Amino acid sequence: MTTQIVIHAGFHKTGTTSVQSMLRENAALLDPHLRVFLKNAFEDLTDKARSFSIDPKEKTLGQVSKAATAFFGTIDTSDPRPILICSEDLSGHMPGRHGLECYDSAGLVMKCLADAAFGRFGPETDIIFYFSTRARDPWLRSTWWQNLRSTRLTKDFAAYSAQFDEARDLEDILEEVAVDVAPAHVTSCPLETLSELPMGPLEPILALFDLPDLDRGALRALPPENVQPDIGIDAVFLALNRSALPDKDVQDAKRMIRKMARRVTD
């Protein structure tokens, strides 16, 4: 029997957090039909993928390959259920951090994953790499917000987005990944088309599987997560990042402001 494996490996800020939350929320319903592996099942692999993204050398790529082989080696080959592997960190660090402008390392990392999966389950394994994407401007603004709240980023959005003027589009990265992982397949779906679907960004992932006995109507959808609140706190965070306050004080202030923002927006 041919094993089906879907790897949802990115990209950051394209609904991935919402997908993972819904997979956790519906774990009991999905488990009889689908084996789901989230980041906590392969943290060494994501650590190595992120390390390679900022230090793309033969040695660090070898560490990705070793971690991928070790992870797939833990998966039971006799279990007939298809497999879903899900973490945006498989594509490396988020652009905007560590001087990264795009996912230039993604193709080689995905090849390591494909090679490890074929090695474990055989050359006839049905492997699909699925990526959620997003229009360039809203994606850049969302990565700016994520980096603004999580790091001491001091660039406003105009300066931040300008550094990506020469960066490759996500679609260009996907074309490269498709070449690197062949004969595995690559598919994608833009976030903008998913808001009206019953399960939002999880919907096209479930559609990749043949799960005739799954009661999809019983699955619980969740609202979008990790969304920037439109109440002006980005300017506050930028001011905090530019301040002379110690990192811990800045982190504490951001945490308190985000709590207040949730009370306003919920």
Foldseek 3Di string as FASTA:
>chain_A
DAAEEEEAADDPPQQQVQLVVLCVVCVVLCVVAEAEAECVLQVQLLVLQQVCQLVVDPVSLVSNLVSLLVSLVVDDLVDRHHYYYGDNSLLYDHPVPNPHLDSPVNQSSVLSNLVSNCVNNHPRHAYEYEYEAEDDPVSLVLVVLVCLLPHLDQDDSVVSVVVNPVPDGPVVVQVSNQVSNPVHYYDYYYQVVFPPPPQGPNVVVPVVDDRPPRPVVPRDHDDRPPDDQPPPCSVVSSVLSPDPDDPVVSNVVSVVVVVVSVVVPD
